[in-house]
Amino acid sequence: MIKAIIANGSAISRQRLEDILSEVEEIIAADGGANLCRELGIEPDIIIGDLDSWQEQKSASAQVLYLPDQEQTDLQKAINYADLASCSKLKIISAFGKRSDHSMVNMIIFAQSSYPEKLEIYDNFSKTILFSAGEHQLQLEPGTLVSFYAFGQLENLSLQGVKYELKEKSYQQGFCGISNEVSSKKIDLSFDKGLLFCAIAE
């Protein structure tokens, strides 16, 4: 089952949101994400959180789950509710922008996910996916801008099919490979340890 979470970050365009949601079976609004849904004419199935940011609580037809726990963010509550183990894919929309502390904390949440490969993170400019250690392939059009980065240790990272290739390079305190360019329709990447983020310009 494909699910989506709409968070309370910077707004996304209606057309892009509709495209992202085209294959989604359940839409979850994380508290203030319900305001973005209303602005764009999208009706979520679930609204979840401590509800301190949601502005029009009386008008919702969605199921509302009030969770006042302050030890978790509203996005964490939404991800827990979505139950990644039962999802084939979880699309997270508008998780960045507005407050920088929220954006940084959200990155930590994604990095600590039990099922990082099931996450797709969207803003107005890109789709971000995550890779665990192993061998992977991506099919992208040549000329596409793509960034690879990691917050912790990476061992033996290899990238092929991009302008700036790597072969078995290790990084102890994170990796920044910003604005690389796809040079082949197939990208091969592999690494032995760590978690790699990949942001694809769209």
C-alpha atoms as a PDB file:
ATOM      1  CA  MET A   1       0.000   0.000   0.000  1.00  0.00           C
ATOM      2  CA  ILE A   2       1.282   3.456  -0.922  1.00  0.00           C
ATOM      3  CA  LYS A   3       0.664   6.176   1.646  1.00  0.00           C
ATOM      4  CA  ALA A   4       1.523   9.866   1.857  1.00  0.00           C
ATOM      5  CA  ILE A   5       2.181  12.262   4.709  1.00  0.00           C
ATOM      6  CA  ILE A   6       1.719  15.980   4.185  1.00  0.00           C
ATOM      7  CA  ALA A   7       3.802  17.883   6.718  1.00  0.00           C
ATOM      8  CA  ASN A   8       3.770  21.524   7.818  1.00  0.00           C
ATOM      9  CA  GLY A   9       6.760  22.828   5.848  1.00  0.00           C
ATOM     10  CA  SER A  10       6.937  25.096   2.824  1.00  0.00           C
ATOM     11  CA  ALA A  11       3.958  24.902   0.485  1.00  0.00           C
ATOM     12  CA  ILE A  12       4.094  22.780  -2.629  1.00  0.00           C
ATOM     13  CA  SER A  13       2.312  23.600  -5.887  1.00  0.00           C
ATOM     14  CA  ARG A  14      -1.111  22.068  -6.447  1.00  0.00           C
ATOM     15  CA  GLN A  15      -0.111  20.414  -9.732  1.00  0.00           C
ATOM     16  CA  ARG A  16       2.970  18.833  -8.202  1.00  0.00           C
ATOM     17  CA  LEU A  17       0.979  17.651  -5.208  1.00  0.00           C
ATOM     18  CA  GLU A  18      -1.629  16.059  -7.468  1.00  0.00           C
ATOM     19  CA  ASP A  19       1.108  14.294  -9.443  1.00  0.00           C
ATOM     20  CA  ILE A  20       2.742  12.960  -6.280  1.00  0.00           C
ATOM     21  CA  LEU A  21      -0.589  11.748  -4.881  1.00  0.00           C
ATOM     22  CA  SER A  22      -1.765  10.095  -8.104  1.00  0.00           C
ATOM     23  CA  GLU A  23      -0.921   6.561  -6.895  1.00  0.00           C
ATOM     24  CA  VAL A  24      -1.453   7.143  -3.161  1.00  0.00           C
ATOM     25  CA  GLU A  25      -4.102   5.148  -1.317  1.00  0.00           C
ATOM     26  CA  GLU A  26      -4.090   6.993   2.024  1.00  0.00           C
ATOM     27  CA  ILE A  27      -3.254  10.628   2.817  1.00  0.00           C
ATOM     28  CA  ILE A  28      -2.152  11.557   6.331  1.00  0.00           C
ATOM     29  CA  ALA A  29      -1.832  15.207   7.354  1.00  0.00           C
ATOM     30  CA  ALA A  30       0.640  15.858  10.166  1.00  0.00           C
ATOM     31  CA  ASP A  31      -1.128  18.581  12.211  1.00  0.00           C
ATOM     32  CA  GLY A  32      -0.478  21.855  10.309  1.00  0.00           C
ATOM     33  CA  GLY A  33      -0.144  19.875   7.100  1.00  0.00           C
ATOM     34  CA  ALA A  34      -3.946  19.889   7.157  1.00  0.00           C
ATOM     35  CA  ASN A  35      -3.816  23.650   6.501  1.00  0.00           C
ATOM     36  CA  LEU A  36      -1.809  23.035   3.334  1.00  0.00           C
ATOM     37  CA  CYS A  37      -4.329  20.394   2.280  1.00  0.00           C
ATOM     38  CA  ARG A  38      -7.152  22.879   2.704  1.00  0.00           C
ATOM     39  CA  GLU A  39      -5.333  25.592   0.738  1.00  0.00           C
ATOM     40  CA  LEU A  40      -4.777  23.217  -2.173  1.00  0.00           C
ATOM     41  CA  GLY A  41      -8.192  21.570  -2.086  1.00  0.00           C
ATOM     42  CA  ILE A  42      -6.924  18.166  -0.941  1.00  0.00           C
ATOM     43  CA  GLU A  43      -8.916  16.183   1.624  1.00  0.00           C
ATOM     44  CA  PRO A  44      -6.722  14.005   3.849  1.00  0.00           C
ATOM     45  CA  ASP A  45      -7.954  10.704   5.225  1.00  0.00           C
ATOM     46  CA  ILE A  46      -6.271  11.226   8.607  1.00  0.00           C
ATOM     47  CA  ILE A  47      -5.200  14.306  10.567  1.00  0.00           C
ATOM     48  CA  ILE A  48      -2.803  13.474  13.368  1.00  0.00           C
ATOM     49  CA  GLY A  49      -0.742  15.324  15.994  1.00  0.00           C
ATOM     50  CA  ASP A  50      -1.119  17.565  19.014  1.00  0.00           C
ATOM     51  CA  LEU A  51      -3.275  19.833  16.785  1.00  0.00           C
ATOM     52  CA  ASP A  52      -1.675  23.090  17.878  1.00  0.00           C
ATOM     53  CA  SER A  53      -1.101  24.234  14.271  1.00  0.00           C
ATOM     54  CA  TRP A  54      -4.263  23.053  12.530  1.00  0.00           C
ATOM     55  CA  GLN A  55      -6.476  26.076  11.963  1.00  0.00           C
ATOM     56  CA  GLU A  56      -9.940  24.841  10.980  1.00  0.00           C
ATOM     57  CA  GLN A  57     -10.676  21.871  13.158  1.00  0.00           C
ATOM     58  CA  LYS A  58     -14.470  22.062  12.980  1.00  0.00           C
ATOM     59  CA  SER A  59     -14.666  21.741   9.201  1.00  0.00           C
ATOM     60  CA  ALA A  60     -12.698  18.509   8.661  1.00  0.00           C
ATOM     61  CA  SER A  61     -14.325  15.344   7.372  1.00  0.00           C
ATOM     62  CA  ALA A  62     -11.113  13.378   7.952  1.00  0.00           C
ATOM     63  CA  GLN A  63     -10.538  11.060  10.892  1.00  0.00           C
ATOM     64  CA  VAL A  64      -8.780  13.119  13.568  1.00  0.00           C
ATOM     65  CA  LEU A  65      -6.271  11.565  15.940  1.00  0.00           C
ATOM     66  CA  TYR A  66      -5.272  13.830  18.818  1.00  0.00           C
ATOM     67  CA  LEU A  67      -1.907  12.740  20.211  1.00  0.00           C
ATOM     68  CA  PRO A  68      -0.591  15.279  22.748  1.00  0.00           C
ATOM     69  CA  ASP A  69       2.701  13.429  23.449  1.00  0.00           C
ATOM     70  CA  GLN A  70       5.459  16.076  23.334  1.00  0.00           C
ATOM     71  CA  GLU A  71       8.320  13.567  23.163  1.00  0.00           C
ATOM     72  CA  GLN A  72       7.610  13.002  19.474  1.00  0.00           C
ATOM     73  CA  THR A  73       7.072  15.485  16.667  1.00  0.00           C
ATOM     74  CA  ASP A  74       3.851  15.440  14.677  1.00  0.00           C
ATOM     75  CA  LEU A  75       5.766  14.012  11.711  1.00  0.00           C
ATOM     76  CA  GLN A  76       7.039  11.148  13.864  1.00  0.00           C
ATOM     77  CA  LYS A  77       3.485  10.463  15.004  1.00  0.00           C
ATOM     78  CA  ALA A  78       2.321  10.412  11.391  1.00  0.00           C
ATOM     79  CA  ILE A  79       5.113   8.040  10.337  1.00  0.00           C
ATOM     80  CA  ASN A  80       4.330   5.722  13.253  1.00  0.00           C
ATOM     81  CA  TYR A  81       0.661   5.746  12.304  1.00  0.00           C
ATOM     82  CA  ALA A  82       1.468   5.031   8.649  1.00  0.00           C
ATOM     83  CA  ASP A  83       3.279   1.874   9.829  1.00  0.00           C
ATOM     84  CA  LEU A  84       6.189   1.634   7.409  1.00  0.00           C
ATOM     85  CA  ALA A  85       6.295  -2.137   7.759  1.00  0.00           C
ATOM     86  CA  SER A  86       2.906  -2.333   6.030  1.00  0.00           C
ATOM     87  CA  CYS A  87       3.704   0.241   3.303  1.00  0.00           C
ATOM     88  CA  SER A  88       5.255  -0.486  -0.059  1.00  0.00           C
ATOM     89  CA  LYS A  89       6.116   3.229  -0.215  1.00  0.00           C
ATOM     90  CA  LEU A  90       5.637   6.275   2.021  1.00  0.00           C
ATOM     91  CA  LYS A  91       5.705   9.668   0.298  1.00  0.00           C
ATOM     92  CA  ILE A  92       6.507  12.569   2.615  1.00  0.00           C
ATOM     93  CA  ILE A  93       5.599  16.010   1.304  1.00  0.00           C
ATOM     94  CA  SER A  94       6.555  19.508   2.522  1.00  0.00           C
ATOM     95  CA  ALA A  95       8.817  18.358   5.344  1.00  0.00           C
ATOM     96  CA  PHE A  96      11.317  21.205   4.802  1.00  0.00           C
ATOM     97  CA  GLY A  97      11.277  24.985   4.840  1.00  0.00           C
ATOM     98  CA  LYS A  98       9.803  27.431   7.336  1.00  0.00           C
ATOM     99  CA  ARG A  99      11.713  26.671  10.571  1.00  0.00           C
ATOM    100  CA  SER A 100      15.261  25.400  10.103  1.00  0.00           C
ATOM    101  CA  ASP A 101      15.177  23.415  13.359  1.00  0.00           C
ATOM    102  CA  HIS A 102      12.147  21.477  12.127  1.00  0.00           C
ATOM    103  CA  SER A 103      13.872  20.771   8.806  1.00  0.00           C
ATOM    104  CA  MET A 104      17.014  19.484  10.509  1.00  0.00           C
ATOM    105  CA  VAL A 105      15.087  17.326  12.972  1.00  0.00           C
ATOM    106  CA  ASN A 106      13.101  15.826  10.092  1.00  0.00           C
ATOM    107  CA  MET A 107      16.343  14.798   8.395  1.00  0.00           C
ATOM    108  CA  ILE A 108      17.362  13.019  11.601  1.00  0.00           C
ATOM    109  CA  ILE A 109      13.983  11.264  11.696  1.00  0.00           C
ATOM    110  CA  PHE A 110      14.450  10.027   8.124  1.00  0.00           C
ATOM    111  CA  ALA A 111      18.011   8.875   8.825  1.00  0.00           C
ATOM    112  CA  GLN A 112      16.820   6.863  11.826  1.00  0.00           C
ATOM    113  CA  SER A 113      13.951   5.174   9.989  1.00  0.00           C
ATOM    114  CA  SER A 114      13.649   1.401  10.290  1.00  0.00           C
ATOM    115  CA  TYR A 115      12.726   1.165   6.592  1.00  0.00           C
ATOM    116  CA  PRO A 116      14.618   3.986   4.854  1.00  0.00           C
ATOM    117  CA  GLU A 117      14.246   2.485   1.371  1.00  0.00           C
ATOM    118  CA  LYS A 118      10.462   2.930   1.567  1.00  0.00           C
ATOM    119  CA  LEU A 119      10.695   6.708   1.983  1.00  0.00           C
ATOM    120  CA  GLU A 120      10.274   9.255  -0.814  1.00  0.00           C
ATOM    121  CA  ILE A 121      10.624  12.870   0.332  1.00  0.00           C
ATOM    122  CA  TYR A 122       9.225  15.650  -1.872  1.00  0.00           C
ATOM    123  CA  ASP A 123       9.457  19.411  -2.120  1.00  0.00           C
ATOM    124  CA  ASN A 124       8.847  21.735  -5.075  1.00  0.00           C
ATOM    125  CA  PHE A 125      12.245  21.004  -6.578  1.00  0.00           C
ATOM    126  CA  SER A 126      13.242  17.405  -5.963  1.00  0.00           C
ATOM    127  CA  LYS A 127      12.480  13.887  -4.824  1.00  0.00           C
ATOM    128  CA  THR A 128      14.812  12.421  -2.192  1.00  0.00           C
ATOM    129  CA  ILE A 129      15.239   8.684  -1.707  1.00  0.00           C
ATOM    130  CA  LEU A 130      17.453   6.730   0.695  1.00  0.00           C
ATOM    131  CA  PHE A 131      19.752   3.772   0.192  1.00  0.00           C
ATOM    132  CA  SER A 132      21.052   1.311   2.764  1.00  0.00           C
ATOM    133  CA  ALA A 133      24.361  -0.482   2.291  1.00  0.00           C
ATOM    134  CA  GLY A 134      24.486  -2.734  -0.756  1.00  0.00           C
ATOM    135  CA  GLU A 135      24.322  -2.504  -4.537  1.00  0.00           C
ATOM    136  CA  HIS A 136      21.683  -0.344  -6.231  1.00  0.00           C
ATOM    137  CA  GLN A 137      20.685   0.947  -9.655  1.00  0.00           C
ATOM    138  CA  LEU A 138      18.822   4.095 -10.712  1.00  0.00           C
ATOM    139  CA  GLN A 139      17.224   4.769 -14.090  1.00  0.00           C
ATOM    140  CA  LEU A 140      17.378   8.509 -14.865  1.00  0.00           C
ATOM    141  CA  GLU A 141      17.569  10.705 -17.932  1.00  0.00           C
ATOM    142  CA  PRO A 142      21.054  11.979 -18.818  1.00  0.00           C
ATOM    143  CA  GLY A 143      21.493  15.600 -17.785  1.00  0.00           C
ATOM    144  CA  THR A 144      19.380  15.248 -14.639  1.00  0.00           C
ATOM    145  CA  LEU A 145      20.909  16.910 -11.584  1.00  0.00           C
ATOM    146  CA  VAL A 146      21.355  14.539  -8.677  1.00  0.00           C
ATOM    147  CA  SER A 147      22.922  15.001  -5.249  1.00  0.00           C
ATOM    148  CA  PHE A 148      24.255  12.276  -2.967  1.00  0.00           C
ATOM    149  CA  TYR A 149      24.966  12.919   0.715  1.00  0.00           C
ATOM    150  CA  ALA A 150      25.294  11.198   4.062  1.00  0.00           C
ATOM    151  CA  PHE A 151      25.389  12.334   7.672  1.00  0.00           C
ATOM    152  CA  GLY A 152      27.631   9.617   9.020  1.00  0.00           C
ATOM    153  CA  GLN A 153      30.160   7.042   7.989  1.00  0.00           C
ATOM    154  CA  LEU A 154      30.167   5.570   4.474  1.00  0.00           C
ATOM    155  CA  GLU A 155      32.459   2.737   3.505  1.00  0.00           C
ATOM    156  CA  ASN A 156      33.610   1.962  -0.045  1.00  0.00           C
ATOM    157  CA  LEU A 157      31.169   4.213  -1.903  1.00  0.00           C
ATOM    158  CA  SER A 158      31.185   3.735  -5.690  1.00  0.00           C
ATOM    159  CA  LEU A 159      29.156   5.791  -8.166  1.00  0.00           C
ATOM    160  CA  GLN A 160      29.001   5.113 -11.907  1.00  0.00           C
ATOM    161  CA  GLY A 161      26.858   6.749 -14.588  1.00  0.00           C
ATOM    162  CA  VAL A 162      27.328  10.303 -13.309  1.00  0.00           C
ATOM    163  CA  LYS A 163      29.682  13.110 -14.303  1.00  0.00           C
ATOM    164  CA  TYR A 164      31.702  12.856 -11.098  1.00  0.00           C
ATOM    165  CA  GLU A 165      32.230   9.163 -10.448  1.00  0.00           C
ATOM    166  CA  LEU A 166      33.662   7.512  -7.353  1.00  0.00           C
ATOM    167  CA  LYS A 167      35.280   4.157  -6.766  1.00  0.00           C
ATOM    168  CA  GLU A 168      35.394   2.622  -3.301  1.00  0.00           C
ATOM    169  CA  LYS A 169      35.846   5.871  -1.407  1.00  0.00           C
ATOM    170  CA  SER A 170      35.251   5.924   2.345  1.00  0.00           C
ATOM    171  CA  TYR A 171      34.114   8.860   4.470  1.00  0.00           C
ATOM    172  CA  GLN A 172      34.239   8.917   8.252  1.00  0.00           C
ATOM    173  CA  GLN A 173      32.168  12.013   9.067  1.00  0.00           C
ATOM    174  CA  GLY A 174      29.628  12.387   6.310  1.00  0.00           C
ATOM    175  CA  PHE A 175      29.666  12.899   2.561  1.00  0.00           C
ATOM    176  CA  CYS A 176      28.549  15.814   0.351  1.00  0.00           C
ATOM    177  CA  GLY A 177      28.198  15.152  -3.374  1.00  0.00           C
ATOM    178  CA  ILE A 178      25.990  18.042  -4.429  1.00  0.00           C
ATOM    179  CA  SER A 179      24.783  18.834  -7.975  1.00  0.00           C
ATOM    180  CA  ASN A 180      26.278  15.901  -9.795  1.00  0.00           C
ATOM    181  CA  GLU A 181      24.925  15.208 -13.283  1.00  0.00           C
ATOM    182  CA  VAL A 182      23.563  11.998 -14.753  1.00  0.00           C
ATOM    183  CA  SER A 183      25.662  10.897 -17.735  1.00  0.00           C
ATOM    184  CA  SER A 184      24.054   7.531 -18.459  1.00  0.00           C
ATOM    185  CA  LYS A 185      20.503   6.211 -18.276  1.00  0.00           C
ATOM    186  CA  LYS A 186      21.659   3.772 -15.618  1.00  0.00           C
ATOM    187  CA  ILE A 187      23.442   4.776 -12.408  1.00  0.00           C
ATOM    188  CA  ASP A 188      25.190   2.044 -10.451  1.00  0.00           C
ATOM    189  CA  LEU A 189      25.984   2.745  -6.821  1.00  0.00           C
ATOM    190  CA  SER A 190      27.246   0.612  -3.994  1.00  0.00           C
ATOM    191  CA  PHE A 191      28.679   0.952  -0.498  1.00  0.00           C
ATOM    192  CA  ASP A 192      29.380  -1.392   2.386  1.00  0.00           C
ATOM    193  CA  LYS A 193      28.259   0.617   5.408  1.00  0.00           C
ATOM    194  CA  GLY A 194      26.103   3.654   6.128  1.00  0.00           C
ATOM    195  CA  LEU A 195      23.000   5.388   4.764  1.00  0.00           C
ATOM    196  CA  LEU A 196      23.011   7.430   1.578  1.00  0.00           C
ATOM    197  CA  PHE A 197      20.524  10.166   0.652  1.00  0.00           C
ATOM    198  CA  CYS A 198      19.878  10.820  -3.041  1.00  0.00           C
ATOM    199  CA  ALA A 199      18.067  14.014  -4.145  1.00  0.00           C
ATOM    200  CA  ILE A 200      16.847  13.968  -7.751  1.00  0.00           C
ATOM    201  CA  ALA A 201      15.910  17.289  -9.392  1.00  0.00           C
ATOM    202  CA  GLU A 202      12.386  17.249 -10.849  1.00  0.00           C
END
